[in-house]
Amino acid sequence: MWANQRRFQAFLDRQPAKASAFSEVRVWLKNLEVSPKAPVHEADWSAIAELSYWCGHWREEVPVSRWLRAMSLDG
């Protein structure tokens, strides 16, 4: 049992700090310059939902939010 605990602790020690784990993604999102295409497929909508969640969680206003508001989603 102790061996498993040591292996688990070694795994945890290799993980990046929680505060910096998403820092590169946040910088990338803030610097997006190309307007995305309007969502078409279920996977597109799923990606938008995921992006919206993280932007809200991080309290970030990113260009994607403005672009989605401006899109015609009539299909």
PDB file of N, CA and C in Angstrom:
ATOM      1  N   MET A   1       0.818  -1.196   0.000  1.00  0.00           N
ATOM      2  CA  MET A   1       0.000   0.000   0.000  1.00  0.00           C
ATOM      3  C   MET A   1       0.861   1.260   0.000  1.00  0.00           C
ATOM      4  N   TRP A   2       1.925   1.243   0.717  1.00  0.00           N
ATOM      5  CA  TRP A   2       2.788   2.427   0.750  1.00  0.00           C
ATOM      6  C   TRP A   2       3.412   2.697  -0.608  1.00  0.00           C
ATOM      7  N   ALA A   3       3.702   1.648  -1.355  1.00  0.00           N
ATOM      8  CA  ALA A   3       4.299   1.829  -2.683  1.00  0.00           C
ATOM      9  C   ALA A   3       3.333   2.594  -3.593  1.00  0.00           C
ATOM     10  N   ASN A   4       2.052   2.269  -3.517  1.00  0.00           N
ATOM     11  CA  ASN A   4       1.062   2.996  -4.324  1.00  0.00           C
ATOM     12  C   ASN A   4       0.964   4.452  -3.910  1.00  0.00           C
ATOM     13  N   GLN A   5       1.053   4.714  -2.632  1.00  0.00           N
ATOM     14  CA  GLN A   5       1.006   6.096  -2.160  1.00  0.00           C
ATOM     15  C   GLN A   5       2.218   6.873  -2.649  1.00  0.00           C
ATOM     16  N   ARG A   6       3.385   6.239  -2.647  1.00  0.00           N
ATOM     17  CA  ARG A   6       4.598   6.910  -3.148  1.00  0.00           C
ATOM     18  C   ARG A   6       4.480   7.181  -4.647  1.00  0.00           C
ATOM     19  N   ARG A   7       3.933   6.223  -5.399  1.00  0.00           N
ATOM     20  CA  ARG A   7       3.762   6.420  -6.842  1.00  0.00           C
ATOM     21  C   ARG A   7       2.777   7.560  -7.106  1.00  0.00           C
ATOM     22  N   PHE A   8       1.706   7.599  -6.340  1.00  0.00           N
ATOM     23  CA  PHE A   8       0.720   8.664  -6.494  1.00  0.00           C
ATOM     24  C   PHE A   8       1.328  10.021  -6.162  1.00  0.00           C
ATOM     25  N   GLN A   9       2.100  10.089  -5.097  1.00  0.00           N
ATOM     26  CA  GLN A   9       2.744  11.344  -4.719  1.00  0.00           C
ATOM     27  C   GLN A   9       3.748  11.781  -5.783  1.00  0.00           C
ATOM     28  N   ALA A  10       4.469  10.827  -6.366  1.00  0.00           N
ATOM     29  CA  ALA A  10       5.405  11.156  -7.437  1.00  0.00           C
ATOM     30  C   ALA A  10       4.659  11.730  -8.645  1.00  0.00           C
ATOM     31  N   PHE A  11       3.495  11.172  -8.940  1.00  0.00           N
ATOM     32  CA  PHE A  11       2.663  11.696 -10.022  1.00  0.00           C
ATOM     33  C   PHE A  11       2.232  13.131  -9.726  1.00  0.00           C
ATOM     34  N   LEU A  12       1.761  13.375  -8.513  1.00  0.00           N
ATOM     35  CA  LEU A  12       1.336  14.720  -8.133  1.00  0.00           C
ATOM     36  C   LEU A  12       2.490  15.711  -8.195  1.00  0.00           C
ATOM     37  N   ASP A  13       3.663  15.273  -7.814  1.00  0.00           N
ATOM     38  CA  ASP A  13       4.828  16.164  -7.819  1.00  0.00           C
ATOM     39  C   ASP A  13       5.217  16.601  -9.226  1.00  0.00           C
ATOM     40  N   ARG A  14       4.869  15.811 -10.240  1.00  0.00           N
ATOM     41  CA  ARG A  14       5.209  16.149 -11.629  1.00  0.00           C
ATOM     42  C   ARG A  14       4.200  17.107 -12.262  1.00  0.00           C
ATOM     43  N   GLN A  15       3.056  17.302 -11.649  1.00  0.00           N
ATOM     44  CA  GLN A  15       2.035  18.172 -12.220  1.00  0.00           C
ATOM     45  C   GLN A  15       2.428  19.646 -12.054  1.00  0.00           C
ATOM     46  N   PRO A  16       2.063  20.474 -13.039  1.00  0.00           N
ATOM     47  CA  PRO A  16       2.335  21.909 -12.886  1.00  0.00           C
ATOM     48  C   PRO A  16       1.439  22.503 -11.808  1.00  0.00           C
ATOM     49  N   ALA A  17       1.839  23.649 -11.321  1.00  0.00           N
ATOM     50  CA  ALA A  17       1.030  24.353 -10.318  1.00  0.00           C
ATOM     51  C   ALA A  17      -0.332  24.680 -10.911  1.00  0.00           C
ATOM     52  N   LYS A  18      -1.379  24.559 -10.123  1.00  0.00           N
ATOM     53  CA  LYS A  18      -2.728  24.809 -10.624  1.00  0.00           C
ATOM     54  C   LYS A  18      -2.878  26.226 -11.152  1.00  0.00           C
ATOM     55  N   ALA A  19      -2.222  27.167 -10.545  1.00  0.00           N
ATOM     56  CA  ALA A  19      -2.344  28.569 -10.964  1.00  0.00           C
ATOM     57  C   ALA A  19      -1.780  28.798 -12.365  1.00  0.00           C
ATOM     58  N   SER A  20      -0.808  28.007 -12.776  1.00  0.00           N
ATOM     59  CA  SER A  20      -0.179  28.233 -14.079  1.00  0.00           C
ATOM     60  C   SER A  20      -0.550  27.187 -15.125  1.00  0.00           C
ATOM     61  N   ALA A  21      -1.367  26.223 -14.772  1.00  0.00           N
ATOM     62  CA  ALA A  21      -1.672  25.125 -15.686  1.00  0.00           C
ATOM     63  C   ALA A  21      -2.321  25.601 -16.985  1.00  0.00           C
ATOM     64  N   PHE A  22      -3.140  26.635 -16.931  1.00  0.00           N
ATOM     65  CA  PHE A  22      -3.846  27.104 -18.114  1.00  0.00           C
ATOM     66  C   PHE A  22      -3.353  28.461 -18.605  1.00  0.00           C
ATOM     67  N   SER A  23      -2.233  28.930 -18.116  1.00  0.00           N
ATOM     68  CA  SER A  23      -1.783  30.277 -18.468  1.00  0.00           C
ATOM     69  C   SER A  23      -1.528  30.437 -19.965  1.00  0.00           C
ATOM     70  N   GLU A  24      -0.962  29.447 -20.632  1.00  0.00           N
ATOM     71  CA  GLU A  24      -0.699  29.564 -22.072  1.00  0.00           C
ATOM     72  C   GLU A  24      -1.995  29.627 -22.870  1.00  0.00           C
ATOM     73  N   VAL A  25      -2.997  28.858 -22.461  1.00  0.00           N
ATOM     74  CA  VAL A  25      -4.288  28.887 -23.150  1.00  0.00           C
ATOM     75  C   VAL A  25      -4.945  30.247 -22.976  1.00  0.00           C
ATOM     76  N   ARG A  26      -4.866  30.797 -21.786  1.00  0.00           N
ATOM     77  CA  ARG A  26      -5.473  32.107 -21.536  1.00  0.00           C
ATOM     78  C   ARG A  26      -4.818  33.184 -22.400  1.00  0.00           C
ATOM     79  N   VAL A  27      -3.517  33.152 -22.531  1.00  0.00           N
ATOM     80  CA  VAL A  27      -2.812  34.121 -23.380  1.00  0.00           C
ATOM     81  C   VAL A  27      -3.233  33.941 -24.835  1.00  0.00           C
ATOM     82  N   TRP A  28      -3.319  32.693 -25.288  1.00  0.00           N
ATOM     83  CA  TRP A  28      -3.735  32.404 -26.660  1.00  0.00           C
ATOM     84  C   TRP A  28      -5.140  32.945 -26.922  1.00  0.00           C
ATOM     85  N   LEU A  29      -6.066  32.711 -26.002  1.00  0.00           N
ATOM     86  CA  LEU A  29      -7.434  33.189 -26.179  1.00  0.00           C
ATOM     87  C   LEU A  29      -7.502  34.708 -26.260  1.00  0.00           C
ATOM     88  N   LYS A  30      -6.739  35.381 -25.431  1.00  0.00           N
ATOM     89  CA  LYS A  30      -6.757  36.848 -25.428  1.00  0.00           C
ATOM     90  C   LYS A  30      -6.210  37.434 -26.718  1.00  0.00           C
ATOM     91  N   ASN A  31      -5.346  36.689 -27.403  1.00  0.00           N
ATOM     92  CA  ASN A  31      -4.675  37.207 -28.588  1.00  0.00           C
ATOM     93  C   ASN A  31      -5.245  36.685 -29.903  1.00  0.00           C
ATOM     94  N   LEU A  32      -6.389  36.030 -29.869  1.00  0.00           N
ATOM     95  CA  LEU A  32      -7.004  35.562 -31.109  1.00  0.00           C
ATOM     96  C   LEU A  32      -7.350  36.749 -31.992  1.00  0.00           C
ATOM     97  N   GLU A  33      -7.047  36.619 -33.274  1.00  0.00           N
ATOM     98  CA  GLU A  33      -7.320  37.718 -34.197  1.00  0.00           C
ATOM     99  C   GLU A  33      -8.207  37.307 -35.363  1.00  0.00           C
ATOM    100  N   VAL A  34      -8.406  36.021 -35.567  1.00  0.00           N
ATOM    101  CA  VAL A  34      -9.188  35.535 -36.692  1.00  0.00           C
ATOM    102  C   VAL A  34     -10.585  35.179 -36.210  1.00  0.00           C
ATOM    103  N   SER A  35     -11.585  35.720 -36.868  1.00  0.00           N
ATOM    104  CA  SER A  35     -12.962  35.437 -36.486  1.00  0.00           C
ATOM    105  C   SER A  35     -13.293  33.979 -36.784  1.00  0.00           C
ATOM    106  N   PRO A  36     -13.917  33.289 -35.852  1.00  0.00           N
ATOM    107  CA  PRO A  36     -14.267  31.885 -36.089  1.00  0.00           C
ATOM    108  C   PRO A  36     -15.466  31.764 -37.019  1.00  0.00           C
ATOM    109  N   LYS A  37     -15.606  30.590 -37.617  1.00  0.00           N
ATOM    110  CA  LYS A  37     -16.780  30.319 -38.432  1.00  0.00           C
ATOM    111  C   LYS A  37     -17.955  30.026 -37.511  1.00  0.00           C
ATOM    112  N   ALA A  38     -19.143  30.279 -38.004  1.00  0.00           N
ATOM    113  CA  ALA A  38     -20.347  29.985 -37.218  1.00  0.00           C
ATOM    114  C   ALA A  38     -20.442  28.477 -36.971  1.00  0.00           C
ATOM    115  N   PRO A  39     -20.884  28.079 -35.791  1.00  0.00           N
ATOM    116  CA  PRO A  39     -21.006  26.656 -35.488  1.00  0.00           C
ATOM    117  C   PRO A  39     -22.043  25.983 -36.385  1.00  0.00           C
ATOM    118  N   VAL A  40     -21.740  24.752 -36.792  1.00  0.00           N
ATOM    119  CA  VAL A  40     -22.637  24.005 -37.665  1.00  0.00           C
ATOM    120  C   VAL A  40     -23.024  22.676 -37.027  1.00  0.00           C
ATOM    121  N   HIS A  41     -22.030  21.946 -36.594  1.00  0.00           N
ATOM    122  CA  HIS A  41     -22.237  20.596 -36.078  1.00  0.00           C
ATOM    123  C   HIS A  41     -22.329  20.595 -34.554  1.00  0.00           C
ATOM    124  N   GLU A  42     -22.796  19.491 -34.039  1.00  0.00           N
ATOM    125  CA  GLU A  42     -22.910  19.348 -32.581  1.00  0.00           C
ATOM    126  C   GLU A  42     -21.560  19.548 -31.895  1.00  0.00           C
ATOM    127  N   ALA A  43     -20.494  19.048 -32.503  1.00  0.00           N
ATOM    128  CA  ALA A  43     -19.158  19.211 -31.922  1.00  0.00           C
ATOM    129  C   ALA A  43     -18.755  20.684 -31.857  1.00  0.00           C
ATOM    130  N   ASP A  44     -19.180  21.469 -32.850  1.00  0.00           N
ATOM    131  CA  ASP A  44     -18.896  22.911 -32.843  1.00  0.00           C
ATOM    132  C   ASP A  44     -19.565  23.576 -31.645  1.00  0.00           C
ATOM    133  N   TRP A  45     -20.829  23.234 -31.425  1.00  0.00           N
ATOM    134  CA  TRP A  45     -21.565  23.806 -30.298  1.00  0.00           C
ATOM    135  C   TRP A  45     -20.965  23.356 -28.974  1.00  0.00           C
ATOM    136  N   SER A  46     -20.524  22.124 -28.929  1.00  0.00           N
ATOM    137  CA  SER A  46     -19.886  21.615 -27.713  1.00  0.00           C
ATOM    138  C   SER A  46     -18.606  22.395 -27.414  1.00  0.00           C
ATOM    139  N   ALA A  47     -17.842  22.669 -28.453  1.00  0.00           N
ATOM    140  CA  ALA A  47     -16.605  23.442 -28.278  1.00  0.00           C
ATOM    141  C   ALA A  47     -16.908  24.856 -27.794  1.00  0.00           C
ATOM    142  N   ILE A  48     -17.964  25.453 -28.329  1.00  0.00           N
ATOM    143  CA  ILE A  48     -18.354  26.794 -27.888  1.00  0.00           C
ATOM    144  C   ILE A  48     -18.763  26.773 -26.425  1.00  0.00           C
ATOM    145  N   ALA A  49     -19.502  25.747 -26.033  1.00  0.00           N
ATOM    146  CA  ALA A  49     -19.917  25.633 -24.632  1.00  0.00           C
ATOM    147  C   ALA A  49     -18.698  25.501 -23.720  1.00  0.00           C
ATOM    148  N   GLU A  50     -17.750  24.689 -24.127  1.00  0.00           N
ATOM    149  CA  GLU A  50     -16.527  24.503 -23.329  1.00  0.00           C
ATOM    150  C   GLU A  50     -15.753  25.816 -23.229  1.00  0.00           C
ATOM    151  N   LEU A  51     -15.605  26.495 -24.351  1.00  0.00           N
ATOM    152  CA  LEU A  51     -14.906  27.777 -24.366  1.00  0.00           C
ATOM    153  C   LEU A  51     -15.620  28.799 -23.495  1.00  0.00           C
ATOM    154  N   SER A  52     -16.929  28.843 -23.594  1.00  0.00           N
ATOM    155  CA  SER A  52     -17.703  29.793 -22.799  1.00  0.00           C
ATOM    156  C   SER A  52     -17.555  29.520 -21.310  1.00  0.00           C
ATOM    157  N   TYR A  53     -17.567  28.238 -20.956  1.00  0.00           N
ATOM    158  CA  TYR A  53     -17.389  27.891 -19.542  1.00  0.00           C
ATOM    159  C   TYR A  53     -16.066  28.422 -19.015  1.00  0.00           C
ATOM    160  N   TRP A  54     -14.980  28.118 -19.734  1.00  0.00           N
ATOM    161  CA  TRP A  54     -13.664  28.509 -19.232  1.00  0.00           C
ATOM    162  C   TRP A  54     -13.478  30.021 -19.224  1.00  0.00           C
ATOM    163  N   CYS A  55     -13.990  30.704 -20.237  1.00  0.00           N
ATOM    164  CA  CYS A  55     -13.887  32.170 -20.243  1.00  0.00           C
ATOM    165  C   CYS A  55     -14.629  32.756 -19.053  1.00  0.00           C
ATOM    166  N   GLY A  56     -15.802  32.226 -18.765  1.00  0.00           N
ATOM    167  CA  GLY A  56     -16.546  32.694 -17.602  1.00  0.00           C
ATOM    168  C   GLY A  56     -15.852  32.346 -16.305  1.00  0.00           C
ATOM    169  N   HIS A  57     -15.316  31.148 -16.221  1.00  0.00           N
ATOM    170  CA  HIS A  57     -14.617  30.712 -15.015  1.00  0.00           C
ATOM    171  C   HIS A  57     -13.398  31.593 -14.738  1.00  0.00           C
ATOM    172  N   TRP A  58     -12.692  31.943 -15.805  1.00  0.00           N
ATOM    173  CA  TRP A  58     -11.503  32.779 -15.649  1.00  0.00           C
ATOM    174  C   TRP A  58     -11.860  34.261 -15.626  1.00  0.00           C
ATOM    175  N   ARG A  59     -13.105  34.599 -15.849  1.00  0.00           N
ATOM    176  CA  ARG A  59     -13.568  35.988 -15.921  1.00  0.00           C
ATOM    177  C   ARG A  59     -12.786  36.777 -16.972  1.00  0.00           C
ATOM    178  N   GLU A  60     -12.654  36.143 -18.124  1.00  0.00           N
ATOM    179  CA  GLU A  60     -11.911  36.746 -19.235  1.00  0.00           C
ATOM    180  C   GLU A  60     -12.873  37.182 -20.323  1.00  0.00           C
ATOM    181  N   GLU A  61     -12.676  38.361 -20.820  1.00  0.00           N
ATOM    182  CA  GLU A  61     -13.394  38.820 -22.003  1.00  0.00           C
ATOM    183  C   GLU A  61     -12.458  38.589 -23.178  1.00  0.00           C
ATOM    184  N   VAL A  62     -12.791  37.653 -24.013  1.00  0.00           N
ATOM    185  CA  VAL A  62     -11.939  37.324 -25.156  1.00  0.00           C
ATOM    186  C   VAL A  62     -12.685  37.649 -26.442  1.00  0.00           C
ATOM    187  N   PRO A  63     -11.967  37.824 -27.547  1.00  0.00           N
ATOM    188  CA  PRO A  63     -12.600  38.176 -28.814  1.00  0.00           C
ATOM    189  C   PRO A  63     -13.688  37.189 -29.237  1.00  0.00           C
ATOM    190  N   VAL A  64     -13.561  35.947 -28.898  1.00  0.00           N
ATOM    191  CA  VAL A  64     -14.539  34.940 -29.316  1.00  0.00           C
ATOM    192  C   VAL A  64     -15.935  35.310 -28.839  1.00  0.00           C
ATOM    193  N   SER A  65     -16.046  35.834 -27.647  1.00  0.00           N
ATOM    194  CA  SER A  65     -17.349  36.229 -27.116  1.00  0.00           C
ATOM    195  C   SER A  65     -18.004  37.294 -27.996  1.00  0.00           C
ATOM    196  N   ARG A  66     -17.252  38.276 -28.390  1.00  0.00           N
ATOM    197  CA  ARG A  66     -17.791  39.340 -29.254  1.00  0.00           C
ATOM    198  C   ARG A  66     -18.160  38.792 -30.629  1.00  0.00           C
ATOM    199  N   TRP A  67     -17.337  37.919 -31.188  1.00  0.00           N
ATOM    200  CA  TRP A  67     -17.610  37.354 -32.499  1.00  0.00           C
ATOM    201  C   TRP A  67     -18.884  36.513 -32.487  1.00  0.00           C
ATOM    202  N   LEU A  68     -19.093  35.755 -31.440  1.00  0.00           N
ATOM    203  CA  LEU A  68     -20.296  34.940 -31.374  1.00  0.00           C
ATOM    204  C   LEU A  68     -21.556  35.802 -31.292  1.00  0.00           C
ATOM    205  N   ARG A  69     -21.485  36.891 -30.584  1.00  0.00           N
ATOM    206  CA  ARG A  69     -22.637  37.787 -30.504  1.00  0.00           C
ATOM    207  C   ARG A  69     -22.956  38.399 -31.877  1.00  0.00           C
ATOM    208  N   ALA A  70     -21.944  38.592 -32.709  1.00  0.00           N
ATOM    209  CA  ALA A  70     -22.134  39.232 -33.999  1.00  0.00           C
ATOM    210  C   ALA A  70     -22.538  38.251 -35.110  1.00  0.00           C
ATOM    211  N   MET A  71     -22.439  36.967 -34.879  1.00  0.00           N
ATOM    212  CA  MET A  71     -22.731  35.969 -35.904  1.00  0.00           C
ATOM    213  C   MET A  71     -24.231  35.813 -36.131  1.00  0.00           C
ATOM    214  N   SER A  72     -24.556  35.499 -37.355  1.00  0.00           N
ATOM    215  CA  SER A  72     -25.921  35.104 -37.687  1.00  0.00           C
ATOM    216  C   SER A  72     -25.998  33.594 -37.511  1.00  0.00           C
ATOM    217  N   LEU A  73     -26.757  33.142 -36.544  1.00  0.00           N
ATOM    218  CA  LEU A  73     -26.834  31.712 -36.246  1.00  0.00           C
ATOM    219  C   LEU A  73     -28.141  31.107 -36.730  1.00  0.00           C
ATOM    220  N   ASP A  74     -28.704  31.677 -37.789  1.00  0.00           N
ATOM    221  CA  ASP A  74     -29.973  31.205 -38.306  1.00  0.00           C
ATOM    222  C   ASP A  74     -29.864  29.849 -38.996  1.00  0.00           C
ATOM    223  N   GLY A  75     -28.644  29.503 -39.436  1.00  0.00           N
ATOM    224  CA  GLY A  75     -28.435  28.211 -40.076  1.00  0.00           C
ATOM    225  C   GLY A  75     -29.012  28.205 -41.422  1.00  0.00           C
TER     226      GLY A  75
END
